[in-house]
Amino acid sequence: MKKIQILGTGCAKCQKLAAVADEAAKALGTPYELQKVTDLKQIMSFNVMSTPALVVDGVVKLSGRVPTVDEAKQLMG
């Protein structure tokens, strides 16, 4: 099962990234767990300088912007 984490404080972009990641993961058809990480200490532990950020299985795949669904699928694939 893939572990997908959205790093961010809950802003509009963070919510949009969560929706895009959810849609992309469903399209890929792989089992996944989606977790929103809003704690700043946890976010900083990933060495992310700008949010929102997409983390897949512990690896930061993207930060500072919201990808398209197709781009998110490639990052998660």
N, C-alpha and C. Protein backbone atom coordinates (compact mmCIF):
# COMPACT_ATOMS: atom_id res chain seq x y z
N MET A 1 0.85 -1.18 0.00
CA MET A 1 0.00 0.00 0.00
C MET A 1 0.89 1.25 0.00
N LYS A 2 0.59 2.17 -0.91
CA LYS A 2 1.33 3.43 -0.97
C LYS A 2 0.88 4.35 0.16
N LYS A 3 1.86 5.04 0.73
CA LYS A 3 1.54 6.05 1.74
C LYS A 3 1.76 7.42 1.11
N ILE A 4 0.67 8.15 0.95
CA ILE A 4 0.72 9.47 0.33
C ILE A 4 0.48 10.50 1.42
N GLN A 5 1.40 11.45 1.53
CA GLN A 5 1.26 12.50 2.54
C GLN A 5 1.24 13.86 1.86
N ILE A 6 0.34 14.71 2.34
CA ILE A 6 0.26 16.08 1.87
C ILE A 6 0.79 16.95 3.01
N LEU A 7 1.88 17.67 2.74
CA LEU A 7 2.46 18.53 3.76
C LEU A 7 1.96 19.94 3.55
N GLY A 8 1.39 20.54 4.59
CA GLY A 8 0.91 21.91 4.48
C GLY A 8 0.03 22.27 5.66
N THR A 9 -0.24 23.54 5.77
CA THR A 9 -0.98 24.04 6.94
C THR A 9 -2.49 23.96 6.77
N GLY A 10 -2.96 23.48 5.64
CA GLY A 10 -4.39 23.39 5.40
C GLY A 10 -4.93 24.51 4.53
N CYS A 11 -4.05 25.22 3.86
CA CYS A 11 -4.46 26.32 2.99
C CYS A 11 -5.18 25.77 1.75
N ALA A 12 -5.69 26.66 0.93
CA ALA A 12 -6.44 26.26 -0.27
C ALA A 12 -5.58 25.40 -1.20
N LYS A 13 -4.31 25.75 -1.38
CA LYS A 13 -3.43 24.96 -2.25
C LYS A 13 -3.20 23.57 -1.67
N CYS A 14 -3.09 23.50 -0.35
CA CYS A 14 -2.89 22.20 0.31
C CYS A 14 -4.11 21.31 0.09
N GLN A 15 -5.28 21.89 0.21
CA GLN A 15 -6.52 21.14 0.00
C GLN A 15 -6.64 20.70 -1.46
N LYS A 16 -6.24 21.56 -2.38
CA LYS A 16 -6.28 21.23 -3.81
C LYS A 16 -5.30 20.09 -4.11
N LEU A 17 -4.11 20.14 -3.52
CA LEU A 17 -3.13 19.07 -3.73
C LEU A 17 -3.67 17.75 -3.19
N ALA A 18 -4.34 17.78 -2.05
CA ALA A 18 -4.91 16.56 -1.49
C ALA A 18 -5.95 15.97 -2.44
N ALA A 19 -6.78 16.83 -3.03
CA ALA A 19 -7.80 16.37 -3.98
C ALA A 19 -7.16 15.79 -5.24
N VAL A 20 -6.13 16.46 -5.75
CA VAL A 20 -5.43 15.99 -6.96
C VAL A 20 -4.75 14.65 -6.68
N ALA A 21 -4.09 14.53 -5.53
CA ALA A 21 -3.40 13.29 -5.17
C ALA A 21 -4.40 12.15 -5.01
N ASP A 22 -5.53 12.43 -4.40
CA ASP A 22 -6.57 11.43 -4.21
C ASP A 22 -7.08 10.93 -5.56
N GLU A 23 -7.36 11.87 -6.45
CA GLU A 23 -7.87 11.51 -7.79
C GLU A 23 -6.83 10.71 -8.57
N ALA A 24 -5.56 11.13 -8.49
CA ALA A 24 -4.49 10.43 -9.22
C ALA A 24 -4.31 9.01 -8.68
N ALA A 25 -4.32 8.86 -7.37
CA ALA A 25 -4.14 7.54 -6.76
C ALA A 25 -5.30 6.61 -7.14
N LYS A 26 -6.51 7.14 -7.15
CA LYS A 26 -7.67 6.33 -7.55
C LYS A 26 -7.54 5.90 -9.01
N ALA A 27 -7.06 6.81 -9.86
CA ALA A 27 -6.90 6.50 -11.29
C ALA A 27 -5.85 5.42 -11.50
N LEU A 28 -4.81 5.42 -10.67
CA LEU A 28 -3.76 4.40 -10.79
C LEU A 28 -4.24 3.03 -10.32
N GLY A 29 -5.24 3.04 -9.45
CA GLY A 29 -5.81 1.78 -8.99
C GLY A 29 -5.00 1.03 -7.96
N THR A 30 -4.01 1.67 -7.38
CA THR A 30 -3.22 1.00 -6.34
C THR A 30 -3.77 1.36 -4.97
N PRO A 31 -3.72 0.42 -4.03
CA PRO A 31 -4.19 0.74 -2.67
C PRO A 31 -3.30 1.82 -2.07
N TYR A 32 -3.91 2.75 -1.36
CA TYR A 32 -3.14 3.84 -0.79
C TYR A 32 -3.79 4.37 0.48
N GLU A 33 -2.97 5.07 1.25
CA GLU A 33 -3.43 5.77 2.45
C GLU A 33 -3.04 7.23 2.27
N LEU A 34 -4.01 8.12 2.39
CA LEU A 34 -3.76 9.55 2.23
C LEU A 34 -3.76 10.21 3.60
N GLN A 35 -2.66 10.90 3.91
CA GLN A 35 -2.53 11.54 5.21
C GLN A 35 -2.16 13.01 5.00
N LYS A 36 -2.84 13.89 5.73
CA LYS A 36 -2.51 15.31 5.70
C LYS A 36 -1.64 15.63 6.91
N VAL A 37 -0.47 16.19 6.65
CA VAL A 37 0.47 16.53 7.72
C VAL A 37 0.46 18.04 7.88
N THR A 38 -0.06 18.52 9.01
CA THR A 38 -0.17 19.97 9.23
C THR A 38 0.78 20.46 10.32
N ASP A 39 1.40 19.56 11.06
CA ASP A 39 2.32 19.94 12.13
C ASP A 39 3.63 20.46 11.54
N LEU A 40 3.99 21.69 11.90
CA LEU A 40 5.19 22.31 11.31
C LEU A 40 6.46 21.53 11.59
N LYS A 41 6.59 20.94 12.76
CA LYS A 41 7.79 20.16 13.07
C LYS A 41 7.89 18.94 12.16
N GLN A 42 6.75 18.30 11.92
CA GLN A 42 6.75 17.15 11.01
C GLN A 42 7.08 17.58 9.59
N ILE A 43 6.50 18.70 9.15
CA ILE A 43 6.77 19.21 7.81
C ILE A 43 8.26 19.52 7.67
N MET A 44 8.83 20.17 8.68
CA MET A 44 10.25 20.53 8.63
C MET A 44 11.15 19.30 8.62
N SER A 45 10.69 18.19 9.19
CA SER A 45 11.50 16.97 9.21
C SER A 45 11.73 16.42 7.80
N PHE A 46 10.90 16.84 6.86
CA PHE A 46 11.08 16.43 5.45
C PHE A 46 11.99 17.39 4.69
N ASN A 47 12.49 18.44 5.37
CA ASN A 47 13.33 19.47 4.74
C ASN A 47 12.63 20.16 3.57
N VAL A 48 11.34 20.40 3.73
CA VAL A 48 10.54 21.08 2.71
C VAL A 48 10.52 22.57 3.03
N MET A 49 10.91 23.39 2.07
CA MET A 49 10.96 24.83 2.30
C MET A 49 9.68 25.55 1.89
N SER A 50 8.90 24.93 1.02
CA SER A 50 7.65 25.57 0.61
C SER A 50 6.55 24.51 0.51
N THR A 51 5.37 24.92 0.91
CA THR A 51 4.22 24.01 0.86
C THR A 51 3.24 24.52 -0.19
N PRO A 52 2.36 23.70 -0.68
CA PRO A 52 2.15 22.32 -0.29
C PRO A 52 3.23 21.41 -0.86
N ALA A 53 3.36 20.23 -0.26
CA ALA A 53 4.32 19.25 -0.75
C ALA A 53 3.65 17.88 -0.81
N LEU A 54 4.10 17.09 -1.77
CA LEU A 54 3.59 15.74 -1.97
C LEU A 54 4.69 14.76 -1.61
N VAL A 55 4.38 13.86 -0.68
CA VAL A 55 5.34 12.84 -0.25
C VAL A 55 4.73 11.47 -0.54
N VAL A 56 5.49 10.63 -1.23
CA VAL A 56 5.02 9.28 -1.54
C VAL A 56 6.01 8.29 -0.93
N ASP A 57 5.51 7.44 -0.04
CA ASP A 57 6.33 6.44 0.64
C ASP A 57 7.58 7.05 1.26
N GLY A 58 7.42 8.22 1.88
CA GLY A 58 8.52 8.85 2.60
C GLY A 58 9.45 9.70 1.76
N VAL A 59 9.20 9.79 0.45
CA VAL A 59 10.07 10.56 -0.45
C VAL A 59 9.31 11.79 -0.95
N VAL A 60 9.92 12.97 -0.78
CA VAL A 60 9.30 14.20 -1.26
C VAL A 60 9.36 14.19 -2.79
N LYS A 61 8.20 14.26 -3.42
CA LYS A 61 8.13 14.21 -4.89
C LYS A 61 7.93 15.59 -5.50
N LEU A 62 7.35 16.51 -4.72
CA LEU A 62 7.02 17.83 -5.27
C LEU A 62 6.76 18.78 -4.11
N SER A 63 7.19 20.03 -4.26
CA SER A 63 6.84 21.02 -3.23
C SER A 63 6.66 22.40 -3.87
N GLY A 64 5.81 23.19 -3.21
CA GLY A 64 5.63 24.58 -3.63
C GLY A 64 4.58 24.82 -4.68
N ARG A 65 3.93 23.77 -5.18
CA ARG A 65 2.91 23.97 -6.20
C ARG A 65 1.98 22.77 -6.25
N VAL A 66 0.89 22.94 -6.99
CA VAL A 66 -0.08 21.86 -7.16
C VAL A 66 0.07 21.32 -8.58
N PRO A 67 0.35 20.02 -8.72
CA PRO A 67 0.52 19.45 -10.07
C PRO A 67 -0.83 19.16 -10.71
N THR A 68 -0.80 18.85 -12.00
CA THR A 68 -2.00 18.35 -12.66
C THR A 68 -2.21 16.90 -12.20
N VAL A 69 -3.39 16.37 -12.45
CA VAL A 69 -3.66 14.99 -12.08
C VAL A 69 -2.71 14.06 -12.82
N ASP A 70 -2.47 14.32 -14.10
CA ASP A 70 -1.56 13.47 -14.88
C ASP A 70 -0.15 13.51 -14.33
N GLU A 71 0.32 14.69 -13.94
CA GLU A 71 1.66 14.83 -13.37
C GLU A 71 1.73 14.08 -12.02
N ALA A 72 0.68 14.20 -11.23
CA ALA A 72 0.64 13.51 -9.93
C ALA A 72 0.69 11.99 -10.14
N LYS A 73 0.00 11.50 -11.17
CA LYS A 73 0.01 10.06 -11.46
C LYS A 73 1.44 9.61 -11.79
N GLN A 74 2.15 10.42 -12.56
CA GLN A 74 3.54 10.07 -12.90
C GLN A 74 4.43 10.07 -11.65
N LEU A 75 4.22 11.03 -10.76
CA LEU A 75 5.02 11.12 -9.54
C LEU A 75 4.75 9.94 -8.61
N MET A 76 3.52 9.44 -8.64
CA MET A 76 3.14 8.35 -7.75
C MET A 76 3.39 6.96 -8.33
N GLY A 77 3.51 6.91 -9.66
CA GLY A 77 3.59 5.64 -10.34
C GLY A 77 4.76 4.82 -10.10
